[in-house]
Amino acid sequence: MEESGDPIPQPAKTLDCIGLYCPEPVFRTREEISSIPLGQVLEVLADDPASESDIRSWAKHAGQKLLSIERVKGGFRFLIKRET
């Protein structure tokens, strides 16, 4: 899901949601994204199987840019750029 040609910036902050289940990863992501400057990237780590669709849907509705979703050992790594 990476954008072609654009390097993905280093995350300004990492949010660890390992062990948390719906809807907690989305709630925490919403809170954390507002704590970083506009244009910066939040890295979210989650192992809830529903987090892939939940975070994707939340980012779209919240006006944030989901830069990538990566499957990592035991879960997912999301990179979300703060747009609003």
C-alpha atoms as a PDB file:
ATOM      1  CA  MET A   1       0.000   0.000   0.000  1.00  0.00           C
ATOM      2  CA  GLU A   2       3.031   2.278  -0.207  1.00  0.00           C
ATOM      3  CA  GLU A   3       2.878   5.211  -2.565  1.00  0.00           C
ATOM      4  CA  SER A   4       5.126   4.764  -5.542  1.00  0.00           C
ATOM      5  CA  GLY A   5       8.134   7.033  -5.644  1.00  0.00           C
ATOM      6  CA  ASP A   6       7.566   8.681  -2.274  1.00  0.00           C
ATOM      7  CA  PRO A   7       9.822   7.530   0.548  1.00  0.00           C
ATOM      8  CA  ILE A   8       7.922   6.902   3.770  1.00  0.00           C
ATOM      9  CA  PRO A   9       9.130   9.254   6.509  1.00  0.00           C
ATOM     10  CA  GLN A  10      10.291   8.139   9.922  1.00  0.00           C
ATOM     11  CA  PRO A  11       7.453   7.982  12.462  1.00  0.00           C
ATOM     12  CA  ALA A  12       7.285  10.868  14.931  1.00  0.00           C
ATOM     13  CA  LYS A  13       5.729   8.522  17.503  1.00  0.00           C
ATOM     14  CA  THR A  14       4.930   4.832  17.976  1.00  0.00           C
ATOM     15  CA  LEU A  15       1.676   3.608  19.497  1.00  0.00           C
ATOM     16  CA  ASP A  16       1.757   0.041  20.808  1.00  0.00           C
ATOM     17  CA  CYS A  17      -1.704  -1.533  20.755  1.00  0.00           C
ATOM     18  CA  ILE A  18      -0.484  -5.126  21.011  1.00  0.00           C
ATOM     19  CA  GLY A  19      -2.919  -7.101  23.158  1.00  0.00           C
ATOM     20  CA  LEU A  20      -5.751  -4.586  22.740  1.00  0.00           C
ATOM     21  CA  TYR A  21      -8.924  -5.449  20.899  1.00  0.00           C
ATOM     22  CA  CYS A  22     -11.632  -3.548  19.050  1.00  0.00           C
ATOM     23  CA  PRO A  23     -12.381  -0.745  19.526  1.00  0.00           C
ATOM     24  CA  GLU A  24      -9.368   0.167  21.680  1.00  0.00           C
ATOM     25  CA  PRO A  25      -6.717   0.401  18.875  1.00  0.00           C
ATOM     26  CA  VAL A  26      -8.889   2.897  16.962  1.00  0.00           C
ATOM     27  CA  PHE A  27      -9.639   4.971  20.080  1.00  0.00           C
ATOM     28  CA  ARG A  28      -5.967   5.161  21.003  1.00  0.00           C
ATOM     29  CA  THR A  29      -4.914   5.923  17.429  1.00  0.00           C
ATOM     30  CA  ARG A  30      -7.421   8.791  17.283  1.00  0.00           C
ATOM     31  CA  GLU A  31      -6.025  10.234  20.540  1.00  0.00           C
ATOM     32  CA  GLU A  32      -2.366   9.820  19.551  1.00  0.00           C
ATOM     33  CA  ILE A  33      -2.665  11.260  16.035  1.00  0.00           C
ATOM     34  CA  SER A  34      -3.725  14.588  17.552  1.00  0.00           C
ATOM     35  CA  SER A  35      -0.563  14.653  19.699  1.00  0.00           C
ATOM     36  CA  ILE A  36       1.813  14.833  16.726  1.00  0.00           C
ATOM     37  CA  PRO A  37       2.316  17.817  14.389  1.00  0.00           C
ATOM     38  CA  LEU A  38       0.488  18.040  11.058  1.00  0.00           C
ATOM     39  CA  GLY A  39       2.411  16.228   8.338  1.00  0.00           C
ATOM     40  CA  GLN A  40       4.122  13.862  10.781  1.00  0.00           C
ATOM     41  CA  VAL A  41       3.684  10.085  10.850  1.00  0.00           C
ATOM     42  CA  LEU A  42       2.277   7.886  13.607  1.00  0.00           C
ATOM     43  CA  GLU A  43       3.343   4.248  13.698  1.00  0.00           C
ATOM     44  CA  VAL A  44       0.707   1.929  15.167  1.00  0.00           C
ATOM     45  CA  LEU A  45       1.435  -1.678  16.144  1.00  0.00           C
ATOM     46  CA  ALA A  46      -1.587  -3.933  16.660  1.00  0.00           C
ATOM     47  CA  ASP A  47      -2.350  -7.636  16.766  1.00  0.00           C
ATOM     48  CA  ASP A  48      -6.154  -7.538  16.713  1.00  0.00           C
ATOM     49  CA  PRO A  49      -7.210  -9.201  13.421  1.00  0.00           C
ATOM     50  CA  ALA A  50      -9.942  -6.551  13.035  1.00  0.00           C
ATOM     51  CA  SER A  51      -7.450  -3.707  13.316  1.00  0.00           C
ATOM     52  CA  GLU A  52      -6.547  -3.837   9.621  1.00  0.00           C
ATOM     53  CA  SER A  53     -10.060  -2.971   8.460  1.00  0.00           C
ATOM     54  CA  ASP A  54     -10.802  -0.789  11.508  1.00  0.00           C
ATOM     55  CA  ILE A  55      -7.726   1.440  11.111  1.00  0.00           C
ATOM     56  CA  ARG A  56      -8.201   1.645   7.331  1.00  0.00           C
ATOM     57  CA  SER A  57     -11.823   2.760   7.773  1.00  0.00           C
ATOM     58  CA  TRP A  58     -11.014   5.190  10.592  1.00  0.00           C
ATOM     59  CA  ALA A  59      -8.207   6.872   8.611  1.00  0.00           C
ATOM     60  CA  LYS A  60     -10.482   7.396   5.610  1.00  0.00           C
ATOM     61  CA  HIS A  61     -13.300   8.897   7.682  1.00  0.00           C
ATOM     62  CA  ALA A  62     -10.961  10.970   9.879  1.00  0.00           C
ATOM     63  CA  GLY A  63      -9.153  12.524   6.916  1.00  0.00           C
ATOM     64  CA  GLN A  64      -5.783  10.998   7.793  1.00  0.00           C
ATOM     65  CA  LYS A  65      -3.485   9.410   5.203  1.00  0.00           C
ATOM     66  CA  LEU A  66      -2.767   5.708   5.675  1.00  0.00           C
ATOM     67  CA  LEU A  67       0.709   5.385   4.146  1.00  0.00           C
ATOM     68  CA  SER A  68       1.197   1.660   4.652  1.00  0.00           C
ATOM     69  CA  ILE A  69      -0.053  -1.501   6.293  1.00  0.00           C
ATOM     70  CA  GLU A  70       2.612  -4.108   6.875  1.00  0.00           C
ATOM     71  CA  ARG A  71       2.091  -7.588   8.246  1.00  0.00           C
ATOM     72  CA  VAL A  72       4.647  -8.189  10.967  1.00  0.00           C
ATOM     73  CA  LYS A  73       5.177 -11.116  13.288  1.00  0.00           C
ATOM     74  CA  GLY A  74       1.925 -11.577  15.169  1.00  0.00           C
ATOM     75  CA  GLY A  75       0.139  -8.530  13.805  1.00  0.00           C
ATOM     76  CA  PHE A  76       0.261  -5.338  11.809  1.00  0.00           C
ATOM     77  CA  ARG A  77       2.304  -2.160  11.498  1.00  0.00           C
ATOM     78  CA  PHE A  78       0.428   0.910  10.280  1.00  0.00           C
ATOM     79  CA  LEU A  79       1.987   4.202   9.217  1.00  0.00           C
ATOM     80  CA  ILE A  80      -0.494   7.064   9.321  1.00  0.00           C
ATOM     81  CA  LYS A  81       0.277  10.629   8.254  1.00  0.00           C
ATOM     82  CA  ARG A  82      -1.560  13.354  10.150  1.00  0.00           C
ATOM     83  CA  GLU A  83      -3.440  15.443   7.591  1.00  0.00           C
ATOM     84  CA  THR A  84      -5.978  17.277   9.770  1.00  0.00           C
END
